[in-house]
């Protein structure tokens, strides 16, 4: 979303697109840092999505983007067919900004979690709390995710 004060547009990534290689290929885009989407929780419906829930927060990677990057993200997220866009508040170390986040349109998608290994790797890479991800995806996925956390830490050298 472009704000009047800054004229900047931000994108909050909480899943596979936390990986900078997916976002920074567009000109005039920049990594901003990490933060938390306020008033939402993370859930898995085959792929990750967010749903509004008071007093919850979702760890994210924040990017400054442009219109061309937004078009590319729309294509990747199959917008508007599979995902919609929400304007969310992201709390960062430097204050709160409004950002675009994608939210799955339907609740009728399957249970489970695709791309879990890649998302866990991004959580480790960006220093996000992997326990949040484990808790979010329920105890039934805990062993799987813990294994991916250990592997990601080994591969990154943490």
N, C-alpha and C. Protein backbone atom coordinates (compact mmCIF):
# COMPACT_ATOMS: atom_id res chain seq x y z
N UNK A 1 0.84 -1.17 0.00
CA UNK A 1 0.00 0.00 0.00
C UNK A 1 0.88 1.23 0.00
N UNK A 2 0.55 2.21 -0.79
CA UNK A 2 1.27 3.46 -0.79
C UNK A 2 0.68 4.35 0.29
N UNK A 3 1.54 4.93 1.09
CA UNK A 3 1.05 5.85 2.11
C UNK A 3 1.36 7.28 1.67
N UNK A 4 0.53 8.20 2.09
CA UNK A 4 0.74 9.60 1.72
C UNK A 4 2.04 10.14 2.28
N UNK A 5 2.40 9.70 3.49
CA UNK A 5 3.58 10.23 4.14
C UNK A 5 4.86 9.80 3.43
N UNK A 6 4.94 8.55 3.01
CA UNK A 6 6.20 8.02 2.49
C UNK A 6 6.16 7.69 1.01
N UNK A 7 5.00 7.52 0.44
CA UNK A 7 4.85 7.10 -0.96
C UNK A 7 5.50 5.75 -1.20
N UNK A 8 5.67 4.95 -0.16
CA UNK A 8 6.26 3.64 -0.30
C UNK A 8 5.19 2.57 -0.22
N UNK A 9 5.43 1.46 -0.92
CA UNK A 9 4.54 0.32 -0.89
C UNK A 9 5.33 -0.84 -0.26
N UNK A 10 4.71 -1.51 0.72
CA UNK A 10 5.37 -2.60 1.42
C UNK A 10 4.61 -3.91 1.20
N UNK A 11 5.37 -4.99 1.22
CA UNK A 11 4.81 -6.34 1.12
C UNK A 11 5.30 -7.15 2.32
N UNK A 12 4.38 -7.80 3.01
CA UNK A 12 4.69 -8.63 4.17
C UNK A 12 4.60 -10.10 3.76
N UNK A 13 5.74 -10.79 3.77
CA UNK A 13 5.81 -12.20 3.37
C UNK A 13 5.87 -13.07 4.61
N UNK A 14 5.03 -14.09 4.64
CA UNK A 14 5.00 -14.99 5.80
C UNK A 14 5.25 -16.45 5.42
N UNK A 15 5.40 -16.74 4.16
CA UNK A 15 5.57 -18.12 3.70
C UNK A 15 6.75 -18.24 2.77
N UNK A 16 6.55 -18.93 1.67
CA UNK A 16 7.62 -19.19 0.72
C UNK A 16 8.26 -17.91 0.21
N UNK A 17 7.49 -16.84 0.09
CA UNK A 17 8.03 -15.58 -0.46
C UNK A 17 8.87 -14.79 0.55
N UNK A 18 9.13 -15.36 1.72
CA UNK A 18 10.14 -14.76 2.59
C UNK A 18 11.51 -14.86 1.92
N UNK A 19 11.65 -15.80 1.01
CA UNK A 19 12.90 -15.98 0.26
C UNK A 19 13.11 -14.78 -0.66
N UNK A 20 14.18 -14.05 -0.44
CA UNK A 20 14.45 -12.82 -1.18
C UNK A 20 14.55 -13.04 -2.68
N UNK A 21 14.95 -14.23 -3.11
CA UNK A 21 15.09 -14.50 -4.54
C UNK A 21 13.78 -14.37 -5.29
N UNK A 22 12.65 -14.56 -4.62
CA UNK A 22 11.36 -14.45 -5.27
C UNK A 22 10.90 -13.00 -5.42
N UNK A 23 11.39 -12.13 -4.56
CA UNK A 23 10.86 -10.76 -4.53
C UNK A 23 11.85 -9.74 -5.12
N UNK A 24 13.12 -9.89 -4.84
CA UNK A 24 14.09 -8.86 -5.17
C UNK A 24 14.54 -8.87 -6.63
N UNK A 25 13.99 -9.76 -7.45
CA UNK A 25 14.37 -9.77 -8.87
C UNK A 25 13.79 -8.57 -9.61
N UNK A 26 12.77 -7.95 -9.07
CA UNK A 26 12.19 -6.75 -9.70
C UNK A 26 13.02 -5.53 -9.33
N UNK A 27 13.20 -4.65 -10.27
CA UNK A 27 13.95 -3.42 -10.05
C UNK A 27 13.25 -2.54 -9.02
N UNK A 28 14.02 -1.84 -8.24
CA UNK A 28 13.51 -0.89 -7.25
C UNK A 28 12.73 -1.56 -6.12
N UNK A 29 13.04 -2.80 -5.82
CA UNK A 29 12.50 -3.45 -4.64
C UNK A 29 13.63 -3.58 -3.63
N UNK A 30 13.27 -3.65 -2.34
CA UNK A 30 14.32 -3.71 -1.32
C UNK A 30 13.84 -4.51 -0.11
N UNK A 31 14.78 -5.22 0.47
CA UNK A 31 14.53 -5.90 1.73
C UNK A 31 14.51 -4.84 2.83
N UNK A 32 13.48 -4.85 3.67
CA UNK A 32 13.37 -3.87 4.76
C UNK A 32 13.79 -4.49 6.08
N UNK A 33 13.36 -5.72 6.35
CA UNK A 33 13.69 -6.39 7.61
C UNK A 33 12.56 -7.33 8.00
N UNK A 34 12.52 -7.63 9.27
CA UNK A 34 11.46 -8.51 9.77
C UNK A 34 10.49 -7.71 10.64
N UNK A 35 9.36 -8.31 10.88
CA UNK A 35 8.35 -7.68 11.71
C UNK A 35 7.26 -8.68 12.03
N UNK A 36 6.13 -8.16 12.48
CA UNK A 36 5.00 -9.00 12.83
C UNK A 36 3.71 -8.36 12.35
N UNK A 37 2.90 -9.16 11.64
CA UNK A 37 1.56 -8.71 11.29
C UNK A 37 0.72 -8.79 12.56
N UNK A 38 0.09 -7.71 12.92
CA UNK A 38 -0.70 -7.65 14.14
C UNK A 38 -2.17 -7.98 13.84
N UNK A 39 -2.80 -8.76 14.73
CA UNK A 39 -4.22 -9.06 14.61
C UNK A 39 -4.54 -10.20 13.65
N UNK A 40 -3.56 -11.03 13.34
CA UNK A 40 -3.76 -12.19 12.48
C UNK A 40 -3.05 -13.39 13.08
N UNK A 41 -3.46 -14.59 12.60
CA UNK A 41 -2.72 -15.80 12.95
C UNK A 41 -2.42 -16.54 11.66
N UNK A 42 -1.40 -17.37 11.71
CA UNK A 42 -0.95 -18.15 10.58
C UNK A 42 -1.58 -19.54 10.64
N UNK A 43 -2.07 -20.03 9.51
CA UNK A 43 -2.60 -21.39 9.45
C UNK A 43 -2.15 -22.04 8.14
N UNK A 44 -2.23 -23.37 8.10
CA UNK A 44 -1.88 -24.12 6.89
C UNK A 44 -3.14 -24.69 6.27
N UNK A 45 -3.31 -24.42 4.99
CA UNK A 45 -4.41 -24.97 4.19
C UNK A 45 -3.82 -25.56 2.92
N UNK A 46 -2.87 -26.45 3.07
CA UNK A 46 -2.07 -26.90 1.95
C UNK A 46 -0.90 -25.95 1.79
N UNK A 47 -1.20 -24.67 1.64
CA UNK A 47 -0.20 -23.60 1.68
C UNK A 47 -0.53 -22.74 2.88
N UNK A 48 0.42 -21.91 3.29
CA UNK A 48 0.18 -21.03 4.43
C UNK A 48 -0.75 -19.89 4.05
N UNK A 49 -1.52 -19.45 5.02
CA UNK A 49 -2.35 -18.27 4.86
C UNK A 49 -2.51 -17.62 6.23
N UNK A 50 -3.08 -16.45 6.23
CA UNK A 50 -3.35 -15.75 7.48
C UNK A 50 -4.84 -15.53 7.60
N UNK A 51 -5.31 -15.51 8.84
CA UNK A 51 -6.70 -15.20 9.12
C UNK A 51 -6.74 -14.20 10.28
N UNK A 52 -7.69 -13.27 10.25
CA UNK A 52 -7.78 -12.31 11.34
C UNK A 52 -8.04 -13.00 12.68
N UNK A 53 -7.32 -12.59 13.70
CA UNK A 53 -7.58 -13.03 15.06
C UNK A 53 -6.95 -12.03 16.02
N UNK A 54 -7.80 -11.47 16.86
CA UNK A 54 -7.35 -10.45 17.82
C UNK A 54 -6.24 -11.01 18.70
N UNK A 55 -5.34 -10.16 19.07
CA UNK A 55 -4.24 -10.43 19.99
C UNK A 55 -3.26 -11.50 19.48
N UNK A 56 -3.28 -11.79 18.20
CA UNK A 56 -2.31 -12.71 17.61
C UNK A 56 -1.38 -11.92 16.70
N UNK A 57 -0.27 -12.54 16.34
CA UNK A 57 0.68 -11.89 15.44
C UNK A 57 1.39 -12.96 14.62
N UNK A 58 1.82 -12.56 13.43
CA UNK A 58 2.47 -13.46 12.49
C UNK A 58 3.83 -12.88 12.12
N UNK A 59 4.92 -13.63 12.33
CA UNK A 59 6.24 -13.15 11.91
C UNK A 59 6.31 -13.03 10.38
N UNK A 60 6.92 -11.96 9.91
CA UNK A 60 7.03 -11.73 8.46
C UNK A 60 8.38 -11.16 8.10
N UNK A 61 8.66 -11.25 6.80
CA UNK A 61 9.76 -10.53 6.20
C UNK A 61 9.13 -9.40 5.41
N UNK A 62 9.63 -8.19 5.59
CA UNK A 62 9.04 -7.01 4.98
C UNK A 62 9.91 -6.51 3.83
N UNK A 63 9.26 -6.25 2.70
CA UNK A 63 9.93 -5.72 1.52
C UNK A 63 9.28 -4.42 1.09
N UNK A 64 10.08 -3.51 0.56
CA UNK A 64 9.54 -2.36 -0.14
C UNK A 64 9.45 -2.77 -1.61
N UNK A 65 8.28 -2.59 -2.20
CA UNK A 65 8.07 -3.06 -3.58
C UNK A 65 7.53 -1.94 -4.45
N UNK A 66 7.45 -2.22 -5.74
CA UNK A 66 6.86 -1.29 -6.68
C UNK A 66 5.72 -1.99 -7.42
N UNK A 67 5.08 -1.30 -8.33
CA UNK A 67 3.93 -1.87 -9.06
C UNK A 67 4.33 -3.11 -9.86
N UNK A 68 5.50 -3.09 -10.49
CA UNK A 68 5.95 -4.25 -11.26
C UNK A 68 6.14 -5.46 -10.36
N UNK A 69 6.71 -5.26 -9.18
CA UNK A 69 6.88 -6.35 -8.23
C UNK A 69 5.51 -6.86 -7.76
N UNK A 70 4.57 -5.95 -7.55
CA UNK A 70 3.23 -6.35 -7.12
C UNK A 70 2.56 -7.22 -8.19
N UNK A 71 2.73 -6.87 -9.45
CA UNK A 71 2.18 -7.68 -10.54
C UNK A 71 2.80 -9.08 -10.52
N UNK A 72 4.09 -9.15 -10.29
CA UNK A 72 4.78 -10.44 -10.22
C UNK A 72 4.29 -11.26 -9.04
N UNK A 73 4.12 -10.61 -7.88
CA UNK A 73 3.60 -11.29 -6.69
C UNK A 73 2.17 -11.78 -6.93
N UNK A 74 1.36 -10.95 -7.57
CA UNK A 74 -0.02 -11.34 -7.89
C UNK A 74 -0.03 -12.63 -8.72
N UNK A 75 0.86 -12.71 -9.67
CA UNK A 75 0.94 -13.89 -10.52
C UNK A 75 1.37 -15.11 -9.71
N UNK A 76 2.39 -14.95 -8.88
CA UNK A 76 2.89 -16.05 -8.06
C UNK A 76 1.82 -16.55 -7.10
N UNK A 77 1.05 -15.64 -6.52
CA UNK A 77 0.03 -15.99 -5.53
C UNK A 77 -1.32 -16.34 -6.16
N UNK A 78 -1.36 -16.36 -7.50
CA UNK A 78 -2.60 -16.67 -8.22
C UNK A 78 -3.73 -15.75 -7.74
N UNK A 79 -3.40 -14.46 -7.66
CA UNK A 79 -4.35 -13.42 -7.28
C UNK A 79 -5.12 -13.00 -8.51
N UNK A 80 -6.40 -12.86 -8.46
CA UNK A 80 -7.31 -12.94 -7.31
C UNK A 80 -8.02 -14.29 -7.19
N UNK A 81 -7.62 -15.30 -7.96
CA UNK A 81 -8.33 -16.58 -7.93
C UNK A 81 -8.14 -17.33 -6.62
N UNK A 82 -6.89 -17.53 -6.18
CA UNK A 82 -6.62 -18.31 -4.98
C UNK A 82 -6.45 -17.42 -3.74
N UNK A 83 -5.75 -16.30 -3.90
CA UNK A 83 -5.48 -15.39 -2.79
C UNK A 83 -6.07 -14.02 -3.06
N UNK A 84 -6.44 -13.34 -1.98
CA UNK A 84 -6.82 -11.93 -2.04
C UNK A 84 -5.69 -11.15 -1.37
N UNK A 85 -5.77 -9.84 -1.46
CA UNK A 85 -4.79 -9.00 -0.76
C UNK A 85 -5.48 -8.33 0.41
N UNK A 86 -4.80 -8.29 1.55
CA UNK A 86 -5.25 -7.52 2.71
C UNK A 86 -4.21 -6.45 3.00
N UNK A 87 -4.65 -5.34 3.52
CA UNK A 87 -3.73 -4.33 4.04
C UNK A 87 -3.62 -4.60 5.53
N UNK A 88 -2.41 -4.85 5.99
CA UNK A 88 -2.18 -5.25 7.37
C UNK A 88 -1.21 -4.27 8.03
N UNK A 89 -1.25 -4.24 9.35
CA UNK A 89 -0.29 -3.45 10.11
C UNK A 89 0.87 -4.35 10.49
N UNK A 90 2.08 -3.90 10.17
CA UNK A 90 3.28 -4.67 10.48
C UNK A 90 4.11 -3.87 11.48
N UNK A 91 4.32 -4.48 12.64
CA UNK A 91 5.15 -3.87 13.67
C UNK A 91 6.60 -4.26 13.41
N UNK A 92 7.47 -3.25 13.27
CA UNK A 92 8.89 -3.48 13.04
C UNK A 92 9.69 -2.82 14.17
N UNK A 93 10.97 -3.03 14.15
CA UNK A 93 11.84 -2.39 15.14
C UNK A 93 11.81 -0.87 15.01
N UNK A 94 11.43 -0.35 13.83
CA UNK A 94 11.42 1.09 13.57
C UNK A 94 10.02 1.69 13.59
N UNK A 95 9.03 0.94 14.05
CA UNK A 95 7.67 1.45 14.08
C UNK A 95 6.73 0.55 13.31
N UNK A 96 5.51 1.03 13.09
CA UNK A 96 4.49 0.25 12.41
C UNK A 96 4.23 0.83 11.03
N UNK A 97 4.12 -0.06 10.04
CA UNK A 97 3.80 0.35 8.67
C UNK A 97 2.62 -0.48 8.17
N UNK A 98 1.95 0.05 7.16
CA UNK A 98 0.90 -0.71 6.49
C UNK A 98 1.54 -1.43 5.31
N UNK A 99 1.13 -2.68 5.12
CA UNK A 99 1.71 -3.49 4.05
C UNK A 99 0.65 -4.37 3.41
N UNK A 100 0.96 -4.84 2.23
CA UNK A 100 0.12 -5.80 1.53
C UNK A 100 0.50 -7.19 2.01
N UNK A 101 -0.49 -8.01 2.29
CA UNK A 101 -0.28 -9.43 2.60
C UNK A 101 -1.35 -10.21 1.84
N UNK A 102 -0.98 -11.36 1.36
CA UNK A 102 -1.94 -12.20 0.65
C UNK A 102 -2.62 -13.14 1.62
N UNK A 103 -3.92 -13.37 1.39
CA UNK A 103 -4.72 -14.23 2.25
C UNK A 103 -5.53 -15.17 1.36
N UNK A 104 -5.47 -16.47 1.68
CA UNK A 104 -6.19 -17.45 0.87
C UNK A 104 -7.69 -17.15 0.90
N UNK A 105 -8.32 -17.26 -0.26
CA UNK A 105 -9.73 -16.92 -0.41
C UNK A 105 -10.67 -17.90 0.25
N UNK A 106 -10.38 -19.17 0.17
CA UNK A 106 -11.33 -20.17 0.59
C UNK A 106 -10.80 -21.00 1.75
N UNK A 107 -11.71 -21.47 2.56
CA UNK A 107 -11.34 -22.36 3.64
C UNK A 107 -11.47 -23.82 3.22
N UNK A 108 -11.80 -24.07 1.96
CA UNK A 108 -12.06 -25.42 1.50
C UNK A 108 -10.83 -26.13 0.97
N UNK A 109 -9.66 -25.60 1.15
CA UNK A 109 -8.46 -26.26 0.68
C UNK A 109 -8.03 -27.31 1.68
N UNK A 110 -7.16 -28.18 1.22
CA UNK A 110 -6.77 -29.33 2.03
C UNK A 110 -5.97 -28.96 3.27
N UNK A 111 -5.92 -29.90 4.19
CA UNK A 111 -5.08 -29.75 5.38
C UNK A 111 -3.65 -30.07 4.99
N UNK A 112 -2.73 -29.77 5.88
CA UNK A 112 -1.33 -30.06 5.61
C UNK A 112 -0.57 -28.80 5.26
N UNK A 113 0.62 -28.98 4.72
CA UNK A 113 1.51 -27.85 4.51
C UNK A 113 2.54 -28.21 3.46
N UNK A 114 2.40 -27.66 2.26
CA UNK A 114 3.41 -27.82 1.22
C UNK A 114 4.55 -26.86 1.47
N UNK A 115 5.68 -27.12 0.91
CA UNK A 115 6.85 -26.23 0.99
C UNK A 115 7.35 -26.01 2.41
N UNK A 116 7.06 -26.93 3.31
CA UNK A 116 7.43 -26.74 4.71
C UNK A 116 8.94 -26.57 4.88
N UNK A 117 9.72 -27.35 4.16
CA UNK A 117 11.18 -27.26 4.33
C UNK A 117 11.71 -25.89 3.94
N UNK A 118 11.19 -25.34 2.82
CA UNK A 118 11.64 -24.03 2.37
C UNK A 118 11.23 -22.92 3.35
N UNK A 119 10.03 -23.01 3.90
CA UNK A 119 9.57 -22.00 4.85
C UNK A 119 10.38 -22.07 6.14
N UNK A 120 10.64 -23.27 6.63
CA UNK A 120 11.46 -23.42 7.83
C UNK A 120 12.84 -22.84 7.60
N UNK A 121 13.41 -23.10 6.44
CA UNK A 121 14.73 -22.54 6.12
C UNK A 121 14.70 -21.02 6.17
N UNK A 122 13.62 -20.41 5.67
CA UNK A 122 13.52 -18.95 5.69
C UNK A 122 13.35 -18.43 7.12
N UNK A 123 12.62 -19.13 7.95
CA UNK A 123 12.49 -18.74 9.36
C UNK A 123 13.87 -18.72 10.01
N UNK A 124 14.66 -19.76 9.78
CA UNK A 124 16.00 -19.84 10.37
C UNK A 124 16.88 -18.74 9.78
N UNK A 125 16.87 -18.57 8.47
CA UNK A 125 17.70 -17.59 7.78
C UNK A 125 17.44 -16.17 8.30
N UNK A 126 16.17 -15.83 8.50
CA UNK A 126 15.82 -14.48 8.93
C UNK A 126 15.76 -14.32 10.45
N UNK A 127 16.10 -15.38 11.19
CA UNK A 127 16.12 -15.29 12.65
C UNK A 127 14.74 -15.22 13.28
N UNK A 128 13.73 -15.76 12.60
CA UNK A 128 12.38 -15.77 13.16
C UNK A 128 12.22 -16.96 14.09
N UNK A 129 11.27 -16.88 15.00
CA UNK A 129 11.05 -17.90 16.01
C UNK A 129 10.43 -19.15 15.38
N UNK A 130 11.23 -20.20 15.23
CA UNK A 130 10.73 -21.44 14.64
C UNK A 130 9.71 -22.12 15.54
N UNK A 131 9.75 -21.85 16.84
CA UNK A 131 8.73 -22.42 17.73
C UNK A 131 7.34 -21.92 17.36
N UNK A 132 7.26 -20.67 16.90
CA UNK A 132 5.97 -20.13 16.44
C UNK A 132 5.42 -20.99 15.30
N UNK A 133 6.29 -21.33 14.36
CA UNK A 133 5.87 -22.13 13.22
C UNK A 133 5.44 -23.52 13.66
N UNK A 134 6.20 -24.12 14.55
CA UNK A 134 5.86 -25.45 15.06
C UNK A 134 4.50 -25.42 15.76
N UNK A 135 4.29 -24.44 16.62
CA UNK A 135 3.01 -24.32 17.33
C UNK A 135 1.86 -24.08 16.36
N UNK A 136 2.10 -23.23 15.36
CA UNK A 136 1.07 -22.89 14.39
C UNK A 136 0.61 -24.11 13.62
N UNK A 137 1.51 -24.95 13.26
CA UNK A 137 1.18 -26.08 12.40
C UNK A 137 0.77 -27.32 13.16
N UNK A 138 0.59 -27.18 14.44
CA UNK A 138 0.04 -28.20 15.34
C UNK A 138 1.04 -29.29 15.69
N UNK A 139 0.74 -29.95 16.76
CA UNK A 139 1.61 -31.00 17.27
C UNK A 139 1.76 -32.15 16.27
N UNK A 140 0.78 -32.37 15.42
CA UNK A 140 0.87 -33.47 14.45
C UNK A 140 1.99 -33.26 13.44
N UNK A 141 2.38 -32.02 13.20
CA UNK A 141 3.47 -31.73 12.27
C UNK A 141 4.78 -31.43 12.98
N UNK A 142 4.79 -31.46 14.31
CA UNK A 142 5.95 -31.03 15.07
C UNK A 142 7.22 -31.79 14.72
N UNK A 143 7.16 -33.12 14.66
CA UNK A 143 8.35 -33.91 14.36
C UNK A 143 8.92 -33.58 12.99
N UNK A 144 8.05 -33.42 12.02
CA UNK A 144 8.47 -33.07 10.67
C UNK A 144 9.17 -31.73 10.66
N UNK A 145 8.56 -30.73 11.29
CA UNK A 145 9.12 -29.38 11.27
C UNK A 145 10.41 -29.32 12.08
N UNK A 146 10.45 -29.97 13.24
CA UNK A 146 11.69 -29.99 14.03
C UNK A 146 12.85 -30.55 13.20
N UNK A 147 12.59 -31.59 12.43
CA UNK A 147 13.63 -32.16 11.56
C UNK A 147 14.10 -31.16 10.53
N UNK A 148 13.16 -30.41 9.93
CA UNK A 148 13.53 -29.39 8.95
C UNK A 148 14.30 -28.24 9.61
N UNK A 149 13.93 -27.88 10.85
CA UNK A 149 14.65 -26.82 11.57
C UNK A 149 16.10 -27.24 11.78
N UNK A 150 16.31 -28.47 12.25
CA UNK A 150 17.67 -28.96 12.47
C UNK A 150 18.47 -28.96 11.18
N UNK A 151 17.86 -29.43 10.09
CA UNK A 151 18.55 -29.47 8.81
C UNK A 151 18.87 -28.06 8.30
N UNK A 152 17.93 -27.12 8.43
CA UNK A 152 18.15 -25.74 7.99
C UNK A 152 19.28 -25.10 8.78
N UNK A 153 19.32 -25.33 10.08
CA UNK A 153 20.39 -24.77 10.91
C UNK A 153 21.73 -25.33 10.50
N UNK A 154 21.78 -26.63 10.20
CA UNK A 154 23.05 -27.24 9.76
C UNK A 154 23.49 -26.66 8.42
N UNK A 155 22.57 -26.50 7.48
CA UNK A 155 22.93 -26.03 6.16
C UNK A 155 23.35 -24.56 6.16
N UNK A 156 22.77 -23.77 7.06
CA UNK A 156 23.11 -22.34 7.14
C UNK A 156 24.31 -22.11 8.04
N UNK A 157 24.56 -23.09 8.91
CA UNK A 157 25.73 -22.97 9.79
C UNK A 157 25.44 -22.30 11.10
N UNK A 158 24.20 -22.36 11.57
CA UNK A 158 23.83 -21.75 12.87
C UNK A 158 24.22 -22.65 14.00
